[in-house]
Amino acid sequence: MTWIENIERWRQLPAEEKLLRRWKAIPRDVAQSMAFEREPVEMSLLQGILDRIEPPALLKQHGASSPTPR
């Protein structure tokens, strides 16, 4: 799959799905950023912090209708 096809698939996703994917990517993105700064941090620590943070209202509505896999 080319990068153009990936962009097309992303654009076709519903807004809720895009938000959910961005929310789930936060620990990975932070870990990569910290590693780049030569301050590595455990993904499990970041995931634990994210689990304690209240998700955006749109995600809460999405999660009420179907369980969010982790």
PDB file of N, CA and C in Angstrom:
ATOM      1  N   MET A   1       0.843  -1.166   0.000  1.00  0.00           N
ATOM      2  CA  MET A   1       0.000   0.000   0.000  1.00  0.00           C
ATOM      3  C   MET A   1       0.899   1.244   0.000  1.00  0.00           C
ATOM      4  N   THR A   2       0.587   2.181  -0.844  1.00  0.00           N
ATOM      5  CA  THR A   2       1.395   3.391  -0.948  1.00  0.00           C
ATOM      6  C   THR A   2       0.957   4.413   0.102  1.00  0.00           C
ATOM      7  N   TRP A   3       1.772   5.428   0.273  1.00  0.00           N
ATOM      8  CA  TRP A   3       1.440   6.476   1.241  1.00  0.00           C
ATOM      9  C   TRP A   3       0.193   7.239   0.808  1.00  0.00           C
ATOM     10  N   ILE A   4      -0.014   7.340  -0.484  1.00  0.00           N
ATOM     11  CA  ILE A   4      -1.209   8.024  -0.992  1.00  0.00           C
ATOM     12  C   ILE A   4      -2.464   7.229  -0.621  1.00  0.00           C
ATOM     13  N   GLU A   5      -2.390   5.919  -0.757  1.00  0.00           N
ATOM     14  CA  GLU A   5      -3.527   5.067  -0.369  1.00  0.00           C
ATOM     15  C   GLU A   5      -3.787   5.158   1.135  1.00  0.00           C
ATOM     16  N   ASN A   6      -2.720   5.224   1.912  1.00  0.00           N
ATOM     17  CA  ASN A   6      -2.882   5.378   3.364  1.00  0.00           C
ATOM     18  C   ASN A   6      -3.587   6.687   3.702  1.00  0.00           C
ATOM     19  N   ILE A   7      -3.215   7.743   3.041  1.00  0.00           N
ATOM     20  CA  ILE A   7      -3.863   9.038   3.285  1.00  0.00           C
ATOM     21  C   ILE A   7      -5.333   8.977   2.895  1.00  0.00           C
ATOM     22  N   GLU A   8      -5.630   8.354   1.782  1.00  0.00           N
ATOM     23  CA  GLU A   8      -7.025   8.221   1.348  1.00  0.00           C
ATOM     24  C   GLU A   8      -7.846   7.434   2.368  1.00  0.00           C
ATOM     25  N   ARG A   9      -7.275   6.345   2.875  1.00  0.00           N
ATOM     26  CA  ARG A   9      -7.981   5.547   3.885  1.00  0.00           C
ATOM     27  C   ARG A   9      -8.218   6.367   5.148  1.00  0.00           C
ATOM     28  N   TRP A  10      -7.208   7.148   5.569  1.00  0.00           N
ATOM     29  CA  TRP A  10      -7.349   7.988   6.757  1.00  0.00           C
ATOM     30  C   TRP A  10      -8.473   9.002   6.566  1.00  0.00           C
ATOM     31  N   ARG A  11      -8.516   9.625   5.430  1.00  0.00           N
ATOM     32  CA  ARG A  11      -9.535  10.645   5.155  1.00  0.00           C
ATOM     33  C   ARG A  11     -10.939  10.062   5.155  1.00  0.00           C
ATOM     34  N   GLN A  12     -11.067   8.793   4.843  1.00  0.00           N
ATOM     35  CA  GLN A  12     -12.379   8.150   4.787  1.00  0.00           C
ATOM     36  C   GLN A  12     -12.878   7.705   6.164  1.00  0.00           C
ATOM     37  N   LEU A  13     -12.004   7.689   7.147  1.00  0.00           N
ATOM     38  CA  LEU A  13     -12.410   7.254   8.487  1.00  0.00           C
ATOM     39  C   LEU A  13     -13.348   8.278   9.116  1.00  0.00           C
ATOM     40  N   PRO A  14     -14.293   7.813   9.923  1.00  0.00           N
ATOM     41  CA  PRO A  14     -15.146   8.745  10.665  1.00  0.00           C
ATOM     42  C   PRO A  14     -14.315   9.522  11.696  1.00  0.00           C
ATOM     43  N   ALA A  15     -14.778  10.698  12.060  1.00  0.00           N
ATOM     44  CA  ALA A  15     -14.054  11.561  12.998  1.00  0.00           C
ATOM     45  C   ALA A  15     -13.796  10.856  14.329  1.00  0.00           C
ATOM     46  N   GLU A  16     -14.761  10.060  14.800  1.00  0.00           N
ATOM     47  CA  GLU A  16     -14.593   9.364  16.075  1.00  0.00           C
ATOM     48  C   GLU A  16     -13.447   8.369  16.011  1.00  0.00           C
ATOM     49  N   GLU A  17     -13.315   7.672  14.895  1.00  0.00           N
ATOM     50  CA  GLU A  17     -12.245   6.683  14.739  1.00  0.00           C
ATOM     51  C   GLU A  17     -10.879   7.377  14.691  1.00  0.00           C
ATOM     52  N   LYS A  18     -10.807   8.492  14.005  1.00  0.00           N
ATOM     53  CA  LYS A  18      -9.554   9.250  13.954  1.00  0.00           C
ATOM     54  C   LYS A  18      -9.151   9.693  15.356  1.00  0.00           C
ATOM     55  N   LEU A  19     -10.098  10.213  16.121  1.00  0.00           N
ATOM     56  CA  LEU A  19      -9.822  10.666  17.479  1.00  0.00           C
ATOM     57  C   LEU A  19      -9.371   9.501  18.357  1.00  0.00           C
ATOM     58  N   LEU A  20     -10.037   8.370  18.243  1.00  0.00           N
ATOM     59  CA  LEU A  20      -9.677   7.192  19.022  1.00  0.00           C
ATOM     60  C   LEU A  20      -8.257   6.735  18.698  1.00  0.00           C
ATOM     61  N   ARG A  21      -7.916   6.694  17.436  1.00  0.00           N
ATOM     62  CA  ARG A  21      -6.562   6.277  17.043  1.00  0.00           C
ATOM     63  C   ARG A  21      -5.506   7.256  17.535  1.00  0.00           C
ATOM     64  N   ARG A  22      -5.820   8.541  17.460  1.00  0.00           N
ATOM     65  CA  ARG A  22      -4.867   9.542  17.971  1.00  0.00           C
ATOM     66  C   ARG A  22      -4.682   9.383  19.478  1.00  0.00           C
ATOM     67  N   TRP A  23      -5.779   9.161  20.195  1.00  0.00           N
ATOM     68  CA  TRP A  23      -5.730   9.000  21.650  1.00  0.00           C
ATOM     69  C   TRP A  23      -4.865   7.796  22.023  1.00  0.00           C
ATOM     70  N   LYS A  24      -5.070   6.690  21.332  1.00  0.00           N
ATOM     71  CA  LYS A  24      -4.304   5.474  21.631  1.00  0.00           C
ATOM     72  C   LYS A  24      -2.827   5.613  21.273  1.00  0.00           C
ATOM     73  N   ALA A  25      -2.491   6.505  20.356  1.00  0.00           N
ATOM     74  CA  ALA A  25      -1.110   6.675  19.905  1.00  0.00           C
ATOM     75  C   ALA A  25      -0.287   7.576  20.830  1.00  0.00           C
ATOM     76  N   ILE A  26      -0.927   8.230  21.773  1.00  0.00           N
ATOM     77  CA  ILE A  26      -0.211   9.179  22.635  1.00  0.00           C
ATOM     78  C   ILE A  26       0.982   8.535  23.344  1.00  0.00           C
ATOM     79  N   PRO A  27       0.834   7.384  24.021  1.00  0.00           N
ATOM     80  CA  PRO A  27       2.010   6.807  24.705  1.00  0.00           C
ATOM     81  C   PRO A  27       3.175   6.514  23.747  1.00  0.00           C
ATOM     82  N   ARG A  28       2.876   5.975  22.589  1.00  0.00           N
ATOM     83  CA  ARG A  28       3.933   5.668  21.618  1.00  0.00           C
ATOM     84  C   ARG A  28       4.618   6.953  21.139  1.00  0.00           C
ATOM     85  N   ASP A  29       3.823   7.975  20.853  1.00  0.00           N
ATOM     86  CA  ASP A  29       4.376   9.237  20.372  1.00  0.00           C
ATOM     87  C   ASP A  29       5.265   9.897  21.427  1.00  0.00           C
ATOM     88  N   VAL A  30       4.815   9.877  22.679  1.00  0.00           N
ATOM     89  CA  VAL A  30       5.606  10.470  23.758  1.00  0.00           C
ATOM     90  C   VAL A  30       6.887   9.668  23.965  1.00  0.00           C
ATOM     91  N   ALA A  31       6.793   8.342  23.942  1.00  0.00           N
ATOM     92  CA  ALA A  31       7.979   7.500  24.124  1.00  0.00           C
ATOM     93  C   ALA A  31       9.006   7.761  23.023  1.00  0.00           C
ATOM     94  N   GLN A  32       8.549   7.901  21.794  1.00  0.00           N
ATOM     95  CA  GLN A  32       9.469   8.186  20.689  1.00  0.00           C
ATOM     96  C   GLN A  32      10.122   9.552  20.860  1.00  0.00           C
ATOM     97  N   SER A  33       9.354  10.517  21.284  1.00  0.00           N
ATOM     98  CA  SER A  33       9.884  11.859  21.490  1.00  0.00           C
ATOM     99  C   SER A  33      10.921  11.869  22.611  1.00  0.00           C
ATOM    100  N   MET A  34      10.607  11.173  23.700  1.00  0.00           N
ATOM    101  CA  MET A  34      11.538  11.120  24.821  1.00  0.00           C
ATOM    102  C   MET A  34      12.818  10.375  24.429  1.00  0.00           C
ATOM    103  N   ALA A  35      12.689   9.316  23.668  1.00  0.00           N
ATOM    104  CA  ALA A  35      13.868   8.573  23.222  1.00  0.00           C
ATOM    105  C   ALA A  35      14.737   9.451  22.321  1.00  0.00           C
ATOM    106  N   PHE A  36      14.107  10.244  21.491  1.00  0.00           N
ATOM    107  CA  PHE A  36      14.850  11.154  20.621  1.00  0.00           C
ATOM    108  C   PHE A  36      15.659  12.150  21.439  1.00  0.00           C
ATOM    109  N   GLU A  37      15.118  12.547  22.576  1.00  0.00           N
ATOM    110  CA  GLU A  37      15.812  13.478  23.476  1.00  0.00           C
ATOM    111  C   GLU A  37      16.772  12.753  24.414  1.00  0.00           C
ATOM    112  N   ARG A  38      16.971  11.467  24.190  1.00  0.00           N
ATOM    113  CA  ARG A  38      17.854  10.611  24.993  1.00  0.00           C
ATOM    114  C   ARG A  38      17.405  10.522  26.439  1.00  0.00           C
ATOM    115  N   GLU A  39      16.090  10.523  26.615  1.00  0.00           N
ATOM    116  CA  GLU A  39      15.492  10.329  27.934  1.00  0.00           C
ATOM    117  C   GLU A  39      14.402   9.262  27.805  1.00  0.00           C
ATOM    118  N   PRO A  40      14.798   8.010  27.548  1.00  0.00           N
ATOM    119  CA  PRO A  40      13.791   6.966  27.322  1.00  0.00           C
ATOM    120  C   PRO A  40      12.878   6.767  28.529  1.00  0.00           C
ATOM    121  N   VAL A  41      11.649   6.402  28.246  1.00  0.00           N
ATOM    122  CA  VAL A  41      10.658   6.151  29.285  1.00  0.00           C
ATOM    123  C   VAL A  41       9.882   4.893  28.892  1.00  0.00           C
ATOM    124  N   GLU A  42       9.470   4.138  29.883  1.00  0.00           N
ATOM    125  CA  GLU A  42       8.750   2.889  29.640  1.00  0.00           C
ATOM    126  C   GLU A  42       7.352   3.164  29.105  1.00  0.00           C
ATOM    127  N   MET A  43       6.960   2.412  28.082  1.00  0.00           N
ATOM    128  CA  MET A  43       5.619   2.545  27.511  1.00  0.00           C
ATOM    129  C   MET A  43       4.552   2.228  28.550  1.00  0.00           C
ATOM    130  N   SER A  44       4.812   1.261  29.423  1.00  0.00           N
ATOM    131  CA  SER A  44       3.820   0.894  30.432  1.00  0.00           C
ATOM    132  C   SER A  44       3.543   2.056  31.385  1.00  0.00           C
ATOM    133  N   LEU A  45       4.574   2.832  31.711  1.00  0.00           N
ATOM    134  CA  LEU A  45       4.392   4.009  32.554  1.00  0.00           C
ATOM    135  C   LEU A  45       3.502   5.040  31.850  1.00  0.00           C
ATOM    136  N   LEU A  46       3.783   5.279  30.593  1.00  0.00           N
ATOM    137  CA  LEU A  46       2.988   6.242  29.824  1.00  0.00           C
ATOM    138  C   LEU A  46       1.547   5.766  29.656  1.00  0.00           C
ATOM    139  N   GLN A  47       1.368   4.471  29.415  1.00  0.00           N
ATOM    140  CA  GLN A  47       0.019   3.930  29.272  1.00  0.00           C
ATOM    141  C   GLN A  47      -0.754   4.063  30.581  1.00  0.00           C
ATOM    142  N   GLY A  48      -0.080   3.851  31.693  1.00  0.00           N
ATOM    143  CA  GLY A  48      -0.719   4.012  32.996  1.00  0.00           C
ATOM    144  C   GLY A  48      -1.181   5.440  33.235  1.00  0.00           C
ATOM    145  N   ILE A  49      -0.362   6.388  32.819  1.00  0.00           N
ATOM    146  CA  ILE A  49      -0.749   7.794  32.960  1.00  0.00           C
ATOM    147  C   ILE A  49      -1.945   8.097  32.073  1.00  0.00           C
ATOM    148  N   LEU A  50      -1.912   7.619  30.849  1.00  0.00           N
ATOM    149  CA  LEU A  50      -3.024   7.855  29.921  1.00  0.00           C
ATOM    150  C   LEU A  50      -4.319   7.236  30.451  1.00  0.00           C
ATOM    151  N   ASP A  51      -4.204   6.086  31.075  1.00  0.00           N
ATOM    152  CA  ASP A  51      -5.386   5.414  31.625  1.00  0.00           C
ATOM    153  C   ASP A  51      -6.042   6.230  32.739  1.00  0.00           C
ATOM    154  N   ARG A  52      -5.245   7.036  33.434  1.00  0.00           N
ATOM    155  CA  ARG A  52      -5.790   7.856  34.526  1.00  0.00           C
ATOM    156  C   ARG A  52      -6.372   9.179  34.034  1.00  0.00           C
ATOM    157  N   ILE A  53      -6.057   9.555  32.805  1.00  0.00           N
ATOM    158  CA  ILE A  53      -6.543  10.817  32.254  1.00  0.00           C
ATOM    159  C   ILE A  53      -7.925  10.597  31.657  1.00  0.00           C
ATOM    160  N   GLU A  54      -8.805  11.544  31.907  1.00  0.00           N
ATOM    161  CA  GLU A  54     -10.153  11.448  31.353  1.00  0.00           C
ATOM    162  C   GLU A  54     -10.091  11.702  29.849  1.00  0.00           C
ATOM    163  N   PRO A  55     -10.624  10.779  29.061  1.00  0.00           N
ATOM    164  CA  PRO A  55     -10.572  10.959  27.602  1.00  0.00           C
ATOM    165  C   PRO A  55     -11.513  12.081  27.158  1.00  0.00           C
ATOM    166  N   PRO A  56     -11.300  12.577  25.947  1.00  0.00           N
ATOM    167  CA  PRO A  56     -12.202  13.599  25.419  1.00  0.00           C
ATOM    168  C   PRO A  56     -13.647  13.106  25.409  1.00  0.00           C
ATOM    169  N   ALA A  57     -14.586  14.032  25.496  1.00  0.00           N
ATOM    170  CA  ALA A  57     -16.010  13.684  25.569  1.00  0.00           C
ATOM    171  C   ALA A  57     -16.428  12.815  24.397  1.00  0.00           C
ATOM    172  N   LEU A  58     -15.910  13.079  23.218  1.00  0.00           N
ATOM    173  CA  LEU A  58     -16.293  12.303  22.042  1.00  0.00           C
ATOM    174  C   LEU A  58     -15.898  10.838  22.198  1.00  0.00           C
ATOM    175  N   LEU A  59     -14.744  10.581  22.831  1.00  0.00           N
ATOM    176  CA  LEU A  59     -14.322   9.196  23.055  1.00  0.00           C
ATOM    177  C   LEU A  59     -15.208   8.511  24.078  1.00  0.00           C
ATOM    178  N   LYS A  60     -15.649   9.254  25.083  1.00  0.00           N
ATOM    179  CA  LYS A  60     -16.529   8.671  26.091  1.00  0.00           C
ATOM    180  C   LYS A  60     -17.843   8.239  25.460  1.00  0.00           C
ATOM    181  N   GLN A  61     -18.372   9.032  24.551  1.00  0.00           N
ATOM    182  CA  GLN A  61     -19.610   8.677  23.856  1.00  0.00           C
ATOM    183  C   GLN A  61     -19.377   7.438  23.005  1.00  0.00           C
ATOM    184  N   HIS A  62     -18.243   7.390  22.336  1.00  0.00           N
ATOM    185  CA  HIS A  62     -17.897   6.249  21.480  1.00  0.00           C
ATOM    186  C   HIS A  62     -17.744   4.984  22.319  1.00  0.00           C
ATOM    187  N   GLY A  63     -17.096   5.114  23.480  1.00  0.00           N
ATOM    188  CA  GLY A  63     -16.851   3.968  24.355  1.00  0.00           C
ATOM    189  C   GLY A  63     -18.130   3.445  24.987  1.00  0.00           C
ATOM    190  N   ALA A  64     -19.129   4.273  25.147  1.00  0.00           N
ATOM    191  CA  ALA A  64     -20.385   3.828  25.762  1.00  0.00           C
ATOM    192  C   ALA A  64     -21.129   2.860  24.862  1.00  0.00           C
ATOM    193  N   SER A  65     -20.984   3.034  23.555  1.00  0.00           N
ATOM    194  CA  SER A  65     -21.721   2.159  22.639  1.00  0.00           C
ATOM    195  C   SER A  65     -20.972   0.863  22.358  1.00  0.00           C
ATOM    196  N   SER A  66     -19.654   0.907  22.421  1.00  0.00           N
ATOM    197  CA  SER A  66     -18.874  -0.308  22.199  1.00  0.00           C
ATOM    198  C   SER A  66     -17.610  -0.232  23.028  1.00  0.00           C
ATOM    199  N   PRO A  67     -17.196  -1.337  23.649  1.00  0.00           N
ATOM    200  CA  PRO A  67     -15.994  -1.319  24.483  1.00  0.00           C
ATOM    201  C   PRO A  67     -14.762  -1.014  23.642  1.00  0.00           C
ATOM    202  N   THR A  68     -13.843  -0.226  24.221  1.00  0.00           N
ATOM    203  CA  THR A  68     -12.633   0.145  23.546  1.00  0.00           C
ATOM    204  C   THR A  68     -11.544  -0.873  23.864  1.00  0.00           C
ATOM    205  N   PRO A  69     -11.028  -1.588  22.857  1.00  0.00           N
ATOM    206  CA  PRO A  69      -9.958  -2.564  23.121  1.00  0.00           C
ATOM    207  C   PRO A  69      -8.648  -1.849  23.419  1.00  0.00           C
ATOM    208  N   ARG A  70      -7.849  -2.425  24.306  1.00  0.00           N
ATOM    209  CA  ARG A  70      -6.557  -1.818  24.645  1.00  0.00           C
ATOM    210  C   ARG A  70      -5.433  -2.685  24.224  1.00  0.00           C
TER     211      ARG A  70
END
